[in-house]
Amino acid sequence: MKTLIPFEIPTLIRKDIEAIIHQNRMLYEPFLDSVASYDELKKRLIAQGYKNIPEGEILMMDLGNKIPEANTKGYKIKRTMIRKSK
């Protein structure tokens, strides 16, 4: 897998996924497949030899249109003002 950019995943979520892939790079080689429905994905996986695929979808992440906010607790925030140089 080269990049997640073509899937148009929000940046924060994409970085989390990339970190998980990096941390587990020695355990497995991940792949992504874009399909219109779960039934189409299931057919593709069966054709590739996968077995024991669940009958229905398992929703693992429901973010809707809201991107989670960064947790900044514990960080010292230094307030600055940017000025134009003369």
PDB file of N, CA and C in Angstrom:
ATOM      1  N   MET A   1       0.846  -1.169   0.000  1.00  0.00           N
ATOM      2  CA  MET A   1       0.000   0.000   0.000  1.00  0.00           C
ATOM      3  C   MET A   1       0.892   1.232   0.000  1.00  0.00           C
ATOM      4  N   LYS A   2       0.656   2.104  -0.947  1.00  0.00           N
ATOM      5  CA  LYS A   2       1.504   3.279  -1.066  1.00  0.00           C
ATOM      6  C   LYS A   2       0.969   4.469  -0.273  1.00  0.00           C
ATOM      7  N   THR A   3      -0.319   4.795  -0.449  1.00  0.00           N
ATOM      8  CA  THR A   3      -0.860   5.975   0.202  1.00  0.00           C
ATOM      9  C   THR A   3      -2.368   5.843   0.430  1.00  0.00           C
ATOM     10  N   LEU A   4      -2.864   6.596   1.383  1.00  0.00           N
ATOM     11  CA  LEU A   4      -4.301   6.624   1.666  1.00  0.00           C
ATOM     12  C   LEU A   4      -4.977   7.834   1.036  1.00  0.00           C
ATOM     13  N   ILE A   5      -4.223   8.710   0.401  1.00  0.00           N
ATOM     14  CA  ILE A   5      -4.750   9.966  -0.133  1.00  0.00           C
ATOM     15  C   ILE A   5      -5.897   9.768  -1.128  1.00  0.00           C
ATOM     16  N   PRO A   6      -5.830   8.800  -2.060  1.00  0.00           N
ATOM     17  CA  PRO A   6      -6.951   8.660  -3.012  1.00  0.00           C
ATOM     18  C   PRO A   6      -8.301   8.342  -2.361  1.00  0.00           C
ATOM     19  N   PHE A   7      -8.300   7.863  -1.132  1.00  0.00           N
ATOM     20  CA  PHE A   7      -9.543   7.527  -0.456  1.00  0.00           C
ATOM     21  C   PHE A   7     -10.200   8.736   0.195  1.00  0.00           C
ATOM     22  N   GLU A   8      -9.556   9.882   0.144  1.00  0.00           N
ATOM     23  CA  GLU A   8     -10.079  11.147   0.679  1.00  0.00           C
ATOM     24  C   GLU A   8     -10.518  11.031   2.138  1.00  0.00           C
ATOM     25  N   ILE A   9      -9.691  10.382   2.936  1.00  0.00           N
ATOM     26  CA  ILE A   9      -9.939  10.248   4.369  1.00  0.00           C
ATOM     27  C   ILE A   9      -9.485  11.545   5.036  1.00  0.00           C
ATOM     28  N   PRO A  10     -10.245  12.075   6.012  1.00  0.00           N
ATOM     29  CA  PRO A  10      -9.803  13.289   6.701  1.00  0.00           C
ATOM     30  C   PRO A  10      -8.383  13.122   7.254  1.00  0.00           C
ATOM     31  N   THR A  11      -7.617  14.193   7.229  1.00  0.00           N
ATOM     32  CA  THR A  11      -6.195  14.158   7.563  1.00  0.00           C
ATOM     33  C   THR A  11      -5.909  13.543   8.931  1.00  0.00           C
ATOM     34  N   LEU A  12      -6.648  13.945   9.950  1.00  0.00           N
ATOM     35  CA  LEU A  12      -6.383  13.426  11.302  1.00  0.00           C
ATOM     36  C   LEU A  12      -6.597  11.919  11.370  1.00  0.00           C
ATOM     37  N   ILE A  13      -7.655  11.449  10.734  1.00  0.00           N
ATOM     38  CA  ILE A  13      -7.941  10.019  10.741  1.00  0.00           C
ATOM     39  C   ILE A  13      -6.898   9.280   9.913  1.00  0.00           C
ATOM     40  N   ARG A  14      -6.519   9.860   8.766  1.00  0.00           N
ATOM     41  CA  ARG A  14      -5.507   9.241   7.908  1.00  0.00           C
ATOM     42  C   ARG A  14      -4.176   9.082   8.651  1.00  0.00           C
ATOM     43  N   LYS A  15      -3.789  10.097   9.419  1.00  0.00           N
ATOM     44  CA  LYS A  15      -2.531  10.016  10.168  1.00  0.00           C
ATOM     45  C   LYS A  15      -2.597   8.937  11.247  1.00  0.00           C
ATOM     46  N   ASP A  16      -3.760   8.785  11.891  1.00  0.00           N
ATOM     47  CA  ASP A  16      -3.928   7.719  12.885  1.00  0.00           C
ATOM     48  C   ASP A  16      -3.788   6.344  12.232  1.00  0.00           C
ATOM     49  N   ILE A  17      -4.417   6.177  11.075  1.00  0.00           N
ATOM     50  CA  ILE A  17      -4.339   4.899  10.359  1.00  0.00           C
ATOM     51  C   ILE A  17      -2.901   4.629   9.931  1.00  0.00           C
ATOM     52  N   GLU A  18      -2.216   5.653   9.408  1.00  0.00           N
ATOM     53  CA  GLU A  18      -0.821   5.478   8.985  1.00  0.00           C
ATOM     54  C   GLU A  18       0.077   5.105  10.164  1.00  0.00           C
ATOM     55  N   ALA A  19      -0.204   5.665  11.342  1.00  0.00           N
ATOM     56  CA  ALA A  19       0.588   5.328  12.533  1.00  0.00           C
ATOM     57  C   ALA A  19       0.363   3.864  12.934  1.00  0.00           C
ATOM     58  N   ILE A  20      -0.885   3.408  12.869  1.00  0.00           N
ATOM     59  CA  ILE A  20      -1.186   2.012  13.200  1.00  0.00           C
ATOM     60  C   ILE A  20      -0.477   1.085  12.223  1.00  0.00           C
ATOM     61  N   ILE A  21      -0.518   1.422  10.937  1.00  0.00           N
ATOM     62  CA  ILE A  21       0.151   0.607   9.916  1.00  0.00           C
ATOM     63  C   ILE A  21       1.653   0.566  10.181  1.00  0.00           C
ATOM     64  N   HIS A  22       2.238   1.723  10.515  1.00  0.00           N
ATOM     65  CA  HIS A  22       3.679   1.781  10.765  1.00  0.00           C
ATOM     66  C   HIS A  22       4.069   0.953  11.994  1.00  0.00           C
ATOM     67  N   GLN A  23       3.283   1.065  13.052  1.00  0.00           N
ATOM     68  CA  GLN A  23       3.591   0.344  14.292  1.00  0.00           C
ATOM     69  C   GLN A  23       3.484  -1.170  14.123  1.00  0.00           C
ATOM     70  N   ASN A  24       2.638  -1.616  13.221  1.00  0.00           N
ATOM     71  CA  ASN A  24       2.409  -3.048  13.031  1.00  0.00           C
ATOM     72  C   ASN A  24       2.966  -3.560  11.709  1.00  0.00           C
ATOM     73  N   ARG A  25       3.918  -2.857  11.125  1.00  0.00           N
ATOM     74  CA  ARG A  25       4.434  -3.192   9.793  1.00  0.00           C
ATOM     75  C   ARG A  25       5.107  -4.558   9.723  1.00  0.00           C
ATOM     76  N   MET A  26       5.581  -5.075  10.833  1.00  0.00           N
ATOM     77  CA  MET A  26       6.231  -6.378  10.816  1.00  0.00           C
ATOM     78  C   MET A  26       5.225  -7.521  10.999  1.00  0.00           C
ATOM     79  N   LEU A  27       4.003  -7.216  11.396  1.00  0.00           N
ATOM     80  CA  LEU A  27       3.005  -8.246  11.674  1.00  0.00           C
ATOM     81  C   LEU A  27       2.150  -8.590  10.460  1.00  0.00           C
ATOM     82  N   TYR A  28       1.873  -7.618   9.621  1.00  0.00           N
ATOM     83  CA  TYR A  28       1.014  -7.861   8.465  1.00  0.00           C
ATOM     84  C   TYR A  28       1.242  -6.791   7.404  1.00  0.00           C
ATOM     85  N   GLU A  29       0.743  -7.057   6.200  1.00  0.00           N
ATOM     86  CA  GLU A  29       0.797  -6.086   5.119  1.00  0.00           C
ATOM     87  C   GLU A  29      -0.637  -5.663   4.808  1.00  0.00           C
ATOM     88  N   PRO A  30      -1.014  -4.456   5.173  1.00  0.00           N
ATOM     89  CA  PRO A  30      -2.401  -4.023   4.995  1.00  0.00           C
ATOM     90  C   PRO A  30      -2.723  -3.701   3.531  1.00  0.00           C
ATOM     91  N   PHE A  31      -3.995  -3.801   3.192  1.00  0.00           N
ATOM     92  CA  PHE A  31      -4.460  -3.361   1.888  1.00  0.00           C
ATOM     93  C   PHE A  31      -5.835  -2.734   2.053  1.00  0.00           C
ATOM     94  N   LEU A  32      -6.152  -1.808   1.173  1.00  0.00           N
ATOM     95  CA  LEU A  32      -7.459  -1.158   1.191  1.00  0.00           C
ATOM     96  C   LEU A  32      -8.158  -1.460  -0.119  1.00  0.00           C
ATOM     97  N   ASP A  33      -9.469  -1.623  -0.027  1.00  0.00           N
ATOM     98  CA  ASP A  33     -10.256  -1.889  -1.222  1.00  0.00           C
ATOM     99  C   ASP A  33     -11.488  -0.999  -1.163  1.00  0.00           C
ATOM    100  N   SER A  34     -11.729  -0.256  -2.208  1.00  0.00           N
ATOM    101  CA  SER A  34     -12.869   0.654  -2.256  1.00  0.00           C
ATOM    102  C   SER A  34     -14.002  -0.005  -3.038  1.00  0.00           C
ATOM    103  N   VAL A  35     -15.155  -0.144  -2.398  1.00  0.00           N
ATOM    104  CA  VAL A  35     -16.315  -0.769  -3.038  1.00  0.00           C
ATOM    105  C   VAL A  35     -17.571   0.043  -2.719  1.00  0.00           C
ATOM    106  N   ALA A  36     -18.595  -0.192  -3.520  1.00  0.00           N
ATOM    107  CA  ALA A  36     -19.850   0.545  -3.340  1.00  0.00           C
ATOM    108  C   ALA A  36     -20.703  -0.023  -2.210  1.00  0.00           C
ATOM    109  N   SER A  37     -20.574  -1.331  -1.931  1.00  0.00           N
ATOM    110  CA  SER A  37     -21.403  -1.934  -0.889  1.00  0.00           C
ATOM    111  C   SER A  37     -20.634  -3.053  -0.188  1.00  0.00           C
ATOM    112  N   TYR A  38     -21.178  -3.457   0.958  1.00  0.00           N
ATOM    113  CA  TYR A  38     -20.551  -4.533   1.722  1.00  0.00           C
ATOM    114  C   TYR A  38     -20.629  -5.850   0.961  1.00  0.00           C
ATOM    115  N   ASP A  39     -21.741  -6.066   0.245  1.00  0.00           N
ATOM    116  CA  ASP A  39     -21.891  -7.307  -0.530  1.00  0.00           C
ATOM    117  C   ASP A  39     -20.815  -7.426  -1.605  1.00  0.00           C
ATOM    118  N   GLU A  40     -20.500  -6.308  -2.246  1.00  0.00           N
ATOM    119  CA  GLU A  40     -19.442  -6.314  -3.266  1.00  0.00           C
ATOM    120  C   GLU A  40     -18.083  -6.628  -2.638  1.00  0.00           C
ATOM    121  N   LEU A  41     -17.812  -6.048  -1.466  1.00  0.00           N
ATOM    122  CA  LEU A  41     -16.561  -6.335  -0.758  1.00  0.00           C
ATOM    123  C   LEU A  41     -16.482  -7.811  -0.390  1.00  0.00           C
ATOM    124  N   LYS A  42     -17.593  -8.337   0.116  1.00  0.00           N
ATOM    125  CA  LYS A  42     -17.634  -9.740   0.515  1.00  0.00           C
ATOM    126  C   LYS A  42     -17.333 -10.658  -0.671  1.00  0.00           C
ATOM    127  N   LYS A  43     -17.920 -10.362  -1.840  1.00  0.00           N
ATOM    128  CA  LYS A  43     -17.664 -11.157  -3.051  1.00  0.00           C
ATOM    129  C   LYS A  43     -16.187 -11.107  -3.442  1.00  0.00           C
ATOM    130  N   ARG A  44     -15.587  -9.914  -3.357  1.00  0.00           N
ATOM    131  CA  ARG A  44     -14.161  -9.776  -3.704  1.00  0.00           C
ATOM    132  C   ARG A  44     -13.272 -10.573  -2.751  1.00  0.00           C
ATOM    133  N   LEU A  45     -13.594 -10.509  -1.468  1.00  0.00           N
ATOM    134  CA  LEU A  45     -12.781 -11.228  -0.479  1.00  0.00           C
ATOM    135  C   LEU A  45     -12.901 -12.739  -0.641  1.00  0.00           C
ATOM    136  N   ILE A  46     -14.096 -13.218  -0.905  1.00  0.00           N
ATOM    137  CA  ILE A  46     -14.292 -14.651  -1.136  1.00  0.00           C
ATOM    138  C   ILE A  46     -13.508 -15.091  -2.372  1.00  0.00           C
ATOM    139  N   ALA A  47     -13.523 -14.271  -3.418  1.00  0.00           N
ATOM    140  CA  ALA A  47     -12.774 -14.589  -4.640  1.00  0.00           C
ATOM    141  C   ALA A  47     -11.266 -14.641  -4.382  1.00  0.00           C
ATOM    142  N   GLN A  48     -10.800 -13.892  -3.371  1.00  0.00           N
ATOM    143  CA  GLN A  48      -9.373 -13.885  -3.030  1.00  0.00           C
ATOM    144  C   GLN A  48      -9.019 -15.009  -2.053  1.00  0.00           C
ATOM    145  N   GLY A  49     -10.019 -15.798  -1.629  1.00  0.00           N
ATOM    146  CA  GLY A  49      -9.736 -16.941  -0.773  1.00  0.00           C
ATOM    147  C   GLY A  49     -10.024 -16.738   0.704  1.00  0.00           C
ATOM    148  N   TYR A  50     -10.577 -15.590   1.083  1.00  0.00           N
ATOM    149  CA  TYR A  50     -10.893 -15.358   2.499  1.00  0.00           C
ATOM    150  C   TYR A  50     -12.138 -16.152   2.888  1.00  0.00           C
ATOM    151  N   LYS A  51     -12.164 -16.618   4.142  1.00  0.00           N
ATOM    152  CA  LYS A  51     -13.293 -17.383   4.658  1.00  0.00           C
ATOM    153  C   LYS A  51     -13.749 -16.755   5.969  1.00  0.00           C
ATOM    154  N   ASN A  52     -14.873 -17.209   6.476  1.00  0.00           N
ATOM    155  CA  ASN A  52     -15.432 -16.731   7.740  1.00  0.00           C
ATOM    156  C   ASN A  52     -15.666 -15.218   7.740  1.00  0.00           C
ATOM    157  N   ILE A  53     -16.225 -14.717   6.664  1.00  0.00           N
ATOM    158  CA  ILE A  53     -16.532 -13.287   6.553  1.00  0.00           C
ATOM    159  C   ILE A  53     -17.912 -13.064   7.169  1.00  0.00           C
ATOM    160  N   PRO A  54     -18.062 -12.055   8.043  1.00  0.00           N
ATOM    161  CA  PRO A  54     -19.363 -11.803   8.680  1.00  0.00           C
ATOM    162  C   PRO A  54     -20.460 -11.539   7.648  1.00  0.00           C
ATOM    163  N   GLU A  55     -21.691 -11.951   7.985  1.00  0.00           N
ATOM    164  CA  GLU A  55     -22.824 -11.764   7.074  1.00  0.00           C
ATOM    165  C   GLU A  55     -23.161 -10.282   6.886  1.00  0.00           C
ATOM    166  N   GLY A  56     -23.037  -9.511   7.944  1.00  0.00           N
ATOM    167  CA  GLY A  56     -23.388  -8.095   7.876  1.00  0.00           C
ATOM    168  C   GLY A  56     -22.198  -7.208   8.161  1.00  0.00           C
ATOM    169  N   GLU A  57     -22.398  -5.938   7.925  1.00  0.00           N
ATOM    170  CA  GLU A  57     -21.337  -4.962   8.171  1.00  0.00           C
ATOM    171  C   GLU A  57     -21.078  -4.833   9.666  1.00  0.00           C
ATOM    172  N   ILE A  58     -19.846  -4.553  10.009  1.00  0.00           N
ATOM    173  CA  ILE A  58     -19.478  -4.256  11.388  1.00  0.00           C
ATOM    174  C   ILE A  58     -18.924  -2.828  11.369  1.00  0.00           C
ATOM    175  N   LEU A  59     -19.690  -1.901  11.910  1.00  0.00           N
ATOM    176  CA  LEU A  59     -19.283  -0.505  11.891  1.00  0.00           C
ATOM    177  C   LEU A  59     -18.258  -0.278  12.995  1.00  0.00           C
ATOM    178  N   MET A  60     -17.027   0.006  12.597  1.00  0.00           N
ATOM    179  CA  MET A  60     -15.958   0.168  13.572  1.00  0.00           C
ATOM    180  C   MET A  60     -15.703   1.631  13.902  1.00  0.00           C
ATOM    181  N   MET A  61     -16.055   2.527  12.987  1.00  0.00           N
ATOM    182  CA  MET A  61     -15.765   3.932  13.203  1.00  0.00           C
ATOM    183  C   MET A  61     -16.904   4.757  12.608  1.00  0.00           C
ATOM    184  N   ASP A  62     -17.619   5.479  13.429  1.00  0.00           N
ATOM    185  CA  ASP A  62     -18.703   6.320  12.939  1.00  0.00           C
ATOM    186  C   ASP A  62     -18.411   7.759  13.336  1.00  0.00           C
ATOM    187  N   LEU A  63     -17.761   8.480  12.448  1.00  0.00           N
ATOM    188  CA  LEU A  63     -17.406   9.862  12.738  1.00  0.00           C
ATOM    189  C   LEU A  63     -18.337  10.845  12.045  1.00  0.00           C
ATOM    190  N   GLY A  64     -19.141  10.354  11.112  1.00  0.00           N
ATOM    191  CA  GLY A  64     -20.009  11.250  10.369  1.00  0.00           C
ATOM    192  C   GLY A  64     -19.181  12.291   9.644  1.00  0.00           C
ATOM    193  N   ASN A  65     -19.618  13.505   9.699  1.00  0.00           N
ATOM    194  CA  ASN A  65     -18.881  14.593   9.049  1.00  0.00           C
ATOM    195  C   ASN A  65     -18.013  15.360  10.045  1.00  0.00           C
ATOM    196  N   LYS A  66     -18.002  14.920  11.296  1.00  0.00           N
ATOM    197  CA  LYS A  66     -17.262  15.635  12.326  1.00  0.00           C
ATOM    198  C   LYS A  66     -15.891  15.003  12.516  1.00  0.00           C
ATOM    199  N   ILE A  67     -14.855  15.806  12.383  1.00  0.00           N
ATOM    200  CA  ILE A  67     -13.488  15.350  12.613  1.00  0.00           C
ATOM    201  C   ILE A  67     -13.191  15.535  14.104  1.00  0.00           C
ATOM    202  N   PRO A  68     -12.656  14.524  14.769  1.00  0.00           N
ATOM    203  CA  PRO A  68     -12.372  14.672  16.202  1.00  0.00           C
ATOM    204  C   PRO A  68     -11.344  15.775  16.466  1.00  0.00           C
ATOM    205  N   GLU A  69     -11.564  16.492  17.551  1.00  0.00           N
ATOM    206  CA  GLU A  69     -10.646  17.570  17.913  1.00  0.00           C
ATOM    207  C   GLU A  69      -9.402  16.991  18.580  1.00  0.00           C
ATOM    208  N   ALA A  70      -8.290  17.688  18.413  1.00  0.00           N
ATOM    209  CA  ALA A  70      -7.031  17.246  19.011  1.00  0.00           C
ATOM    210  C   ALA A  70      -7.094  17.431  20.523  1.00  0.00           C
ATOM    211  N   ASN A  71      -6.536  16.495  21.260  1.00  0.00           N
ATOM    212  CA  ASN A  71      -6.478  16.589  22.711  1.00  0.00           C
ATOM    213  C   ASN A  71      -5.237  17.399  23.081  1.00  0.00           C
ATOM    214  N   THR A  72      -5.435  18.622  23.557  1.00  0.00           N
ATOM    215  CA  THR A  72      -4.316  19.500  23.885  1.00  0.00           C
ATOM    216  C   THR A  72      -4.102  19.642  25.386  1.00  0.00           C
ATOM    217  N   LYS A  73      -4.789  18.818  26.161  1.00  0.00           N
ATOM    218  CA  LYS A  73      -4.601  18.874  27.615  1.00  0.00           C
ATOM    219  C   LYS A  73      -3.179  18.448  27.950  1.00  0.00           C
ATOM    220  N   GLY A  74      -2.546  19.156  28.846  1.00  0.00           N
ATOM    221  CA  GLY A  74      -1.194  18.793  29.242  1.00  0.00           C
ATOM    222  C   GLY A  74      -0.118  19.524  28.437  1.00  0.00           C
ATOM    223  N   TYR A  75      -0.530  20.246  27.407  1.00  0.00           N
ATOM    224  CA  TYR A  75       0.443  21.005  26.616  1.00  0.00           C
ATOM    225  C   TYR A  75       0.416  22.456  27.055  1.00  0.00           C
ATOM    226  N   LYS A  76       1.586  23.037  27.179  1.00  0.00           N
ATOM    227  CA  LYS A  76       1.673  24.452  27.506  1.00  0.00           C
ATOM    228  C   LYS A  76       1.527  25.231  26.197  1.00  0.00           C
ATOM    229  N   ILE A  77       0.495  26.053  26.129  1.00  0.00           N
ATOM    230  CA  ILE A  77       0.243  26.819  24.920  1.00  0.00           C
ATOM    231  C   ILE A  77       0.830  28.208  25.112  1.00  0.00           C
ATOM    232  N   LYS A  78       1.726  28.565  24.216  1.00  0.00           N
ATOM    233  CA  LYS A  78       2.374  29.859  24.273  1.00  0.00           C
ATOM    234  C   LYS A  78       1.642  30.782  23.306  1.00  0.00           C
ATOM    235  N   ARG A  79       1.051  31.827  23.830  1.00  0.00           N
ATOM    236  CA  ARG A  79       0.313  32.748  22.977  1.00  0.00           C
ATOM    237  C   ARG A  79       1.297  33.719  22.324  1.00  0.00           C
ATOM    238  N   THR A  80       1.203  33.815  21.015  1.00  0.00           N
ATOM    239  CA  THR A  80       2.071  34.727  20.268  1.00  0.00           C
ATOM    240  C   THR A  80       1.226  35.484  19.254  1.00  0.00           C
ATOM    241  N   MET A  81       1.788  36.585  18.801  1.00  0.00           N
ATOM    242  CA  MET A  81       1.130  37.354  17.767  1.00  0.00           C
ATOM    243  C   MET A  81       2.103  37.462  16.594  1.00  0.00           C
ATOM    244  N   ILE A  82       1.618  37.183  15.426  1.00  0.00           N
ATOM    245  CA  ILE A  82       2.467  37.286  14.234  1.00  0.00           C
ATOM    246  C   ILE A  82       2.309  38.688  13.670  1.00  0.00           C
ATOM    247  N   ARG A  83       3.460  39.317  13.412  1.00  0.00           N
ATOM    248  CA  ARG A  83       3.438  40.684  12.875  1.00  0.00           C
ATOM    249  C   ARG A  83       4.195  40.716  11.562  1.00  0.00           C
ATOM    250  N   LYS A  84       3.784  41.644  10.721  1.00  0.00           N
ATOM    251  CA  LYS A  84       4.509  41.829   9.465  1.00  0.00           C
ATOM    252  C   LYS A  84       5.803  42.572   9.756  1.00  0.00           C
ATOM    253  N   SER A  85       6.830  42.172   9.045  1.00  0.00           N
ATOM    254  CA  SER A  85       8.081  42.902   9.227  1.00  0.00           C
ATOM    255  C   SER A  85       8.024  44.189   8.406  1.00  0.00           C
ATOM    256  N   LYS A  86       8.714  45.216   8.901  1.00  0.00           N
ATOM    257  CA  LYS A  86       8.671  46.522   8.217  1.00  0.00           C
ATOM    258  C   LYS A  86       9.787  46.660   7.222  1.00  0.00           C
TER     259      LYS A  86
END
